[in-house]
Amino acid sequence: MPPHPTQAPSDSKSQSLGIAAALIAYGTWGLYPLFFKLLAGIAPTQVLAHRVVWSCALLCAVVLSSQALRRGIRVSWTTATVVDVVLATLFISFNWYVFIYAVTVDRILDVSLGYFLNPIISALLGILVLGERSSRPKTAAIGIAALGMTATFLVAGRLPIIPLILAWSFGFYGLVKKQSKLGSAQGLLIETLALTPFAIAYLLTIEVNPTTYEPRQWIWLIVSGAMTVLPLTALASAAKRIELGTLAYFQYLAPAAHFAIAVWIYNETVDLARMIAFGSTLLAIATVSAGTLMGRIRRKTPPPNELRLHQTR
């Protein structure tokens, strides 16, 4: 039955809003290196502590202002839920710290590689931990990425530690969140609530006061909360409006922006080891993406007999 004529514009508008929200989310994450460079004069541990505190304050306001979000936070607090929250808190705080540190010491290319590598790590964790079925393209992609990291080690004489830490820590964070009963905003609120007492205690220990930072640094530190919450909110909106399969392709915008910023703005060098690492990772992404796309096409294409029957009607 064909759709009602008035439904198409509505669906089209919803999809357009979803695409715009996805661009806002991944575009904001892509600009993170430029933002955190503004705080390069402050120790990464202090930036992390402020990010936790201001994110928590803003998330409290967002969640408390929405009845739907407030309802979503009421879960059955079992031991498993507590463990999930603790693990998620540890993984995301470690990931945030390494990201801020990498930007501070001019290793933005490593940040880019880490987030390009993350979907491959997530696929591997899904197979190993959740028992998800591995397709040939997915297995090939994991193998290509592993060979690439090995080749990088042989050429550079060391493993790309920062990219691997970022990819694995965010991969484990995603794994924990996948099994959590909490929504993304509610989960991050509880995680930042768990971290906030430690962050405040740390800031008090180093005797932070209004004169500790320059006025503009205070502004950027407070804005770091909004920079954390904005893409999360936008991503949640995008996920409601467009297919997850479509949304998945937007995730590469952020590491692509990181790469461009590193090379064209901060003049970081792409040496042979990095060429191998990026080349193998992008090949792995292309392999798994092509497999996913072909699978979607096959599912949408009717079998030959059904197609012939349809054509005779």
Protein backbone atom coordinates (compact mmCIF):
# COMPACT_ATOMS: atom_id res chain seq x y z
CA MET A 1 0.00 0.00 0.00
CA PRO A 2 1.58 3.34 -1.03
CA PRO A 3 2.22 5.88 1.72
CA HIS A 4 -0.26 8.66 2.24
CA PRO A 5 0.90 11.79 0.37
CA THR A 6 1.11 13.77 3.60
CA GLN A 7 3.44 11.24 5.22
CA ALA A 8 6.38 11.66 2.87
CA PRO A 9 7.25 15.29 3.76
CA SER A 10 7.06 14.42 7.46
CA ASP A 11 9.37 11.42 7.04
CA SER A 12 11.73 13.45 4.86
CA LYS A 13 11.82 16.28 7.40
CA SER A 14 12.47 13.82 10.24
CA GLN A 15 15.32 12.22 8.32
CA SER A 16 16.79 15.63 7.48
CA LEU A 17 16.68 16.58 11.16
CA GLY A 18 18.34 13.27 12.02
CA ILE A 19 21.15 13.85 9.55
CA ALA A 20 21.62 17.40 10.89
CA ALA A 21 21.76 16.06 14.46
CA ALA A 22 24.32 13.39 13.45
CA LEU A 23 26.46 16.07 11.79
CA ILE A 24 26.28 18.19 14.94
CA ALA A 25 27.25 15.23 17.14
CA TYR A 26 30.17 13.91 15.11
CA GLY A 27 31.16 17.41 13.96
CA THR A 28 31.49 18.52 17.59
CA TRP A 29 33.57 15.46 18.44
CA GLY A 30 35.69 16.17 15.36
CA LEU A 31 36.46 19.68 16.64
CA TYR A 32 37.52 18.43 20.09
CA PRO A 33 41.28 18.79 19.36
CA LEU A 34 40.83 22.49 18.53
CA PHE A 35 38.81 23.01 21.70
CA PHE A 36 41.14 21.17 24.08
CA LYS A 37 44.15 22.94 22.56
CA LEU A 38 42.69 26.08 24.13
CA LEU A 39 43.36 24.42 27.51
CA ALA A 40 46.88 23.18 26.66
CA GLY A 41 48.41 25.35 29.39
CA ILE A 42 46.50 23.45 32.09
CA ALA A 43 47.49 19.98 33.33
CA PRO A 44 45.37 17.23 31.71
CA THR A 45 44.29 15.94 35.13
CA GLN A 46 42.85 19.37 35.98
CA VAL A 47 41.09 19.65 32.62
CA LEU A 48 39.60 16.18 33.17
CA ALA A 49 38.42 17.10 36.68
CA HIS A 50 36.72 20.26 35.43
CA ARG A 51 35.17 18.41 32.50
CA VAL A 52 33.63 15.90 34.91
CA VAL A 53 32.26 18.57 37.27
CA TRP A 54 30.77 20.85 34.61
CA SER A 55 29.40 17.93 32.57
CA CYS A 56 27.71 16.58 35.68
CA ALA A 57 26.15 19.97 36.47
CA LEU A 58 24.77 20.36 32.94
CA LEU A 59 23.58 16.73 32.72
CA CYS A 60 21.71 17.16 36.02
CA ALA A 61 19.89 20.14 34.51
CA VAL A 62 19.13 18.28 31.26
CA VAL A 63 17.90 15.09 32.91
CA LEU A 64 15.88 16.82 35.64
CA SER A 65 14.18 19.07 33.06
CA SER A 66 12.86 16.08 31.09
CA GLN A 67 10.23 13.76 32.55
CA ALA A 68 11.14 11.04 30.05
CA LEU A 69 14.82 11.18 31.03
CA ARG A 70 13.92 11.17 34.72
CA ARG A 71 11.84 8.03 34.20
CA GLY A 72 14.72 6.40 32.32
CA ILE A 73 17.03 6.76 35.29
CA ARG A 74 14.81 4.62 37.52
CA VAL A 75 16.32 1.19 37.03
CA SER A 76 16.53 -1.85 39.23
CA TRP A 77 19.82 -1.39 41.05
CA THR A 78 21.26 -4.88 41.08
CA THR A 79 24.89 -5.83 41.64
CA ALA A 80 25.30 -6.16 37.88
CA THR A 81 24.02 -2.59 37.35
CA VAL A 82 26.48 -1.21 39.90
CA VAL A 83 29.36 -3.13 38.30
CA ASP A 84 28.34 -1.78 34.88
CA VAL A 85 28.36 1.80 36.17
CA VAL A 86 31.74 1.38 37.89
CA LEU A 87 33.35 -0.18 34.82
CA ALA A 88 31.84 2.41 32.46
CA THR A 89 33.09 5.19 34.75
CA LEU A 90 36.62 3.80 34.78
CA PHE A 91 36.75 3.27 31.01
CA ILE A 92 35.33 6.68 30.03
CA SER A 93 37.45 8.64 32.51
CA PHE A 94 40.60 6.86 31.31
CA ASN A 95 39.60 7.50 27.69
CA TRP A 96 38.94 11.19 28.37
CA TYR A 97 42.28 11.61 30.13
CA VAL A 98 44.32 9.96 27.36
CA PHE A 99 42.50 12.03 24.74
CA ILE A 100 43.23 15.30 26.56
CA TYR A 101 46.84 14.25 27.18
CA ALA A 102 47.36 13.31 23.51
CA VAL A 103 46.04 16.67 22.29
CA THR A 104 48.21 18.50 24.83
CA VAL A 105 51.43 16.78 23.68
CA ASP A 106 50.68 17.19 19.94
CA ARG A 107 49.66 13.60 19.22
CA ILE A 108 46.37 14.36 17.47
CA LEU A 109 47.19 11.91 14.67
CA ASP A 110 47.28 9.18 17.32
CA VAL A 111 43.83 10.31 18.47
CA SER A 112 42.56 10.07 14.90
CA LEU A 113 43.98 6.57 14.44
CA GLY A 114 42.49 5.43 17.75
CA TYR A 115 38.96 6.41 16.77
CA PHE A 116 39.31 5.03 13.24
CA LEU A 117 40.40 1.76 14.87
CA ASN A 118 37.61 1.74 17.46
CA PRO A 119 34.83 0.16 15.29
CA ILE A 120 37.14 -2.76 14.48
CA ILE A 121 37.93 -3.24 18.17
CA SER A 122 34.21 -3.05 18.99
CA ALA A 123 33.48 -5.73 16.38
CA LEU A 124 36.17 -7.96 17.91
CA LEU A 125 34.76 -7.46 21.43
CA GLY A 126 31.26 -8.28 20.15
CA ILE A 127 32.52 -11.59 18.79
CA LEU A 128 34.70 -12.52 21.78
CA VAL A 129 32.49 -11.30 24.65
CA LEU A 130 28.92 -11.21 23.36
CA GLY A 131 29.18 -14.19 21.03
CA GLU A 132 28.08 -12.17 18.01
CA ARG A 133 28.36 -13.96 14.68
CA SER A 134 31.39 -12.99 12.64
CA SER A 135 30.94 -12.50 8.91
CA ARG A 136 33.78 -12.99 6.45
CA PRO A 137 34.24 -9.22 5.90
CA LYS A 138 34.31 -8.62 9.65
CA THR A 139 36.88 -11.40 10.21
CA ALA A 140 38.98 -10.07 7.32
CA ALA A 141 38.81 -6.52 8.72
CA ILE A 142 39.99 -7.65 12.15
CA GLY A 143 42.85 -9.59 10.53
CA ILE A 144 43.88 -6.61 8.38
CA ALA A 145 43.88 -4.29 11.41
CA ALA A 146 45.96 -6.78 13.44
CA LEU A 147 48.49 -7.15 10.61
CA GLY A 148 48.64 -3.38 10.29
CA MET A 149 49.41 -2.91 13.98
CA THR A 150 52.09 -5.63 13.77
CA ALA A 151 53.67 -3.97 10.72
CA THR A 152 53.55 -0.60 12.50
CA PHE A 153 55.39 -2.12 15.45
CA LEU A 154 58.06 -3.65 13.19
CA VAL A 155 58.64 -0.36 11.35
CA ALA A 156 58.50 2.02 14.33
CA GLY A 157 59.98 -0.33 16.91
CA ARG A 158 57.06 0.35 19.25
CA LEU A 159 53.33 -0.17 19.35
CA PRO A 160 51.03 2.82 18.74
CA ILE A 161 50.14 2.95 22.45
CA ILE A 162 47.86 6.01 22.47
CA PRO A 163 45.67 4.83 19.54
CA LEU A 164 45.37 1.36 21.05
CA ILE A 165 44.46 2.72 24.49
CA LEU A 166 41.82 5.03 23.02
CA ALA A 167 40.36 2.30 20.80
CA TRP A 168 40.26 -0.39 23.49
CA SER A 169 39.06 1.85 26.35
CA PHE A 170 36.21 3.25 24.23
CA GLY A 171 35.50 -0.23 22.89
CA PHE A 172 35.13 -1.62 26.42
CA TYR A 173 33.04 1.42 27.38
CA GLY A 174 30.70 0.71 24.47
CA LEU A 175 30.55 -2.95 25.44
CA VAL A 176 29.50 -2.10 29.01
CA LYS A 177 26.96 0.47 27.80
CA LYS A 178 25.46 -2.05 25.37
CA GLN A 179 24.59 -4.30 28.30
CA SER A 180 23.45 -1.50 30.59
CA LYS A 181 19.78 -0.78 31.29
CA LEU A 182 20.44 2.96 31.44
CA GLY A 183 20.05 5.33 28.49
CA SER A 184 23.05 7.26 27.20
CA ALA A 185 22.29 10.56 28.95
CA GLN A 186 21.20 8.91 32.20
CA GLY A 187 24.21 6.58 32.15
CA LEU A 188 26.68 9.41 31.60
CA LEU A 189 25.00 11.41 34.38
CA ILE A 190 25.47 8.57 36.87
CA GLU A 191 29.06 8.05 35.68
CA THR A 192 29.92 11.73 36.13
CA LEU A 193 28.07 11.77 39.48
CA ALA A 194 30.32 8.90 40.59
CA LEU A 195 33.42 10.79 39.44
CA THR A 196 32.45 14.26 40.65
CA PRO A 197 33.34 13.80 44.38
CA PHE A 198 36.82 12.63 43.37
CA ALA A 199 37.16 15.47 40.84
CA ILE A 200 36.12 18.09 43.42
CA ALA A 201 38.42 16.58 46.05
CA TYR A 202 41.32 16.72 43.59
CA LEU A 203 40.59 20.34 42.66
CA LEU A 204 40.41 21.25 46.37
CA THR A 205 43.69 19.44 46.98
CA ILE A 206 45.50 21.60 44.41
CA GLU A 207 43.72 24.63 45.90
CA VAL A 208 41.85 25.78 42.82
CA ASN A 209 40.34 29.24 43.31
CA PRO A 210 39.06 32.05 41.04
CA THR A 211 42.62 33.28 40.46
CA THR A 212 44.07 29.86 39.55
CA TYR A 213 43.28 30.30 35.85
CA GLU A 214 42.91 33.22 33.49
CA PRO A 215 39.30 34.37 32.88
CA ARG A 216 39.25 32.90 29.36
CA GLN A 217 40.53 29.56 30.72
CA TRP A 218 37.69 29.49 33.24
CA ILE A 219 35.25 30.05 30.39
CA TRP A 220 36.68 27.17 28.33
CA LEU A 221 36.73 24.87 31.37
CA ILE A 222 33.03 25.54 32.01
CA VAL A 223 32.23 25.18 28.30
CA SER A 224 33.89 21.73 28.35
CA GLY A 225 30.70 20.53 30.07
CA ALA A 226 28.56 21.72 27.17
CA MET A 227 31.05 20.27 24.67
CA THR A 228 30.52 16.89 26.36
CA VAL A 229 26.72 17.00 26.62
CA LEU A 230 25.86 18.62 23.25
CA PRO A 231 27.07 15.79 20.95
CA LEU A 232 25.55 13.15 23.23
CA THR A 233 22.15 14.86 23.08
CA ALA A 234 22.43 15.35 19.31
CA LEU A 235 23.38 11.71 18.78
CA ALA A 236 20.37 10.52 20.78
CA SER A 237 18.14 12.70 18.57
CA ALA A 238 19.77 11.38 15.39
CA ALA A 239 19.34 7.75 16.47
CA LYS A 240 15.57 8.28 16.75
CA ARG A 241 15.26 9.71 13.24
CA ILE A 242 17.59 7.75 10.96
CA GLU A 243 18.53 4.10 10.63
CA LEU A 244 21.43 2.93 12.79
CA GLY A 245 23.06 1.46 9.69
CA THR A 246 23.11 4.93 8.16
CA LEU A 247 24.19 6.56 11.41
CA ALA A 248 27.18 4.20 11.65
CA TYR A 249 28.83 5.84 8.63
CA PHE A 250 28.81 9.25 10.35
CA GLN A 251 31.17 7.96 13.07
CA TYR A 252 34.14 8.32 10.71
CA LEU A 253 33.63 12.09 10.45
CA ALA A 254 35.26 12.72 13.83
CA PRO A 255 38.57 10.86 13.24
CA ALA A 256 38.70 12.26 9.70
CA ALA A 257 38.41 15.78 11.17
CA HIS A 258 41.08 14.91 13.76
CA PHE A 259 43.40 13.82 10.94
CA ALA A 260 42.80 17.02 8.96
CA ILE A 261 43.36 19.20 12.03
CA ALA A 262 46.57 17.35 12.95
CA VAL A 263 48.11 17.61 9.47
CA TRP A 264 46.82 20.92 8.12
CA ILE A 265 46.62 23.04 11.29
CA TYR A 266 49.23 21.61 13.68
CA ASN A 267 51.61 20.22 11.03
CA GLU A 268 51.97 16.76 12.56
CA THR A 269 54.01 14.39 10.38
CA VAL A 270 52.60 11.27 8.74
CA ASP A 271 55.68 9.03 8.78
CA LEU A 272 55.97 5.52 7.33
CA ALA A 273 54.74 3.81 10.51
CA ARG A 274 51.65 6.03 10.62
CA MET A 275 51.04 5.49 6.90
CA ILE A 276 50.99 1.73 7.51
CA ALA A 277 48.75 2.11 10.57
CA PHE A 278 46.26 4.41 8.86
CA GLY A 279 46.35 2.49 5.58
CA SER A 280 45.62 -0.87 7.21
CA THR A 281 42.93 0.59 9.47
CA LEU A 282 41.15 2.35 6.57
CA LEU A 283 41.36 -0.83 4.50
CA ALA A 284 39.80 -2.76 7.39
CA ILE A 285 37.02 -0.17 7.67
CA ALA A 286 36.39 -0.33 3.92
CA THR A 287 36.23 -4.13 4.08
CA VAL A 288 33.69 -4.31 6.88
CA SER A 289 31.67 -1.40 5.45
CA ALA A 290 31.49 -3.05 2.03
CA GLY A 291 30.37 -6.31 3.66
CA THR A 292 27.68 -4.50 5.64
CA LEU A 293 26.46 -2.62 2.57
CA MET A 294 26.30 -5.78 0.44
CA GLY A 295 24.40 -7.54 3.19
CA ARG A 296 21.82 -4.75 3.31
CA ILE A 297 21.43 -4.85 -0.48
CA ARG A 298 20.93 -8.65 -0.42
CA ARG A 299 18.27 -8.36 2.29
CA LYS A 300 16.35 -5.75 0.30
CA THR A 301 16.57 -7.65 -3.03
CA PRO A 302 13.82 -10.29 -3.41
CA PRO A 303 14.79 -13.81 -4.53
CA PRO A 304 14.77 -14.41 -8.34
CA ASN A 305 11.49 -16.39 -8.29
CA GLU A 306 9.75 -13.72 -6.22
CA LEU A 307 11.13 -11.00 -8.49
CA ARG A 308 9.80 -12.70 -11.64
CA LEU A 309 6.41 -13.21 -10.00
CA HIS A 310 6.29 -9.53 -9.04
CA GLN A 311 7.15 -8.46 -12.59
CA THR A 312 4.23 -10.47 -14.07
CA ARG A 313 1.62 -8.72 -11.90
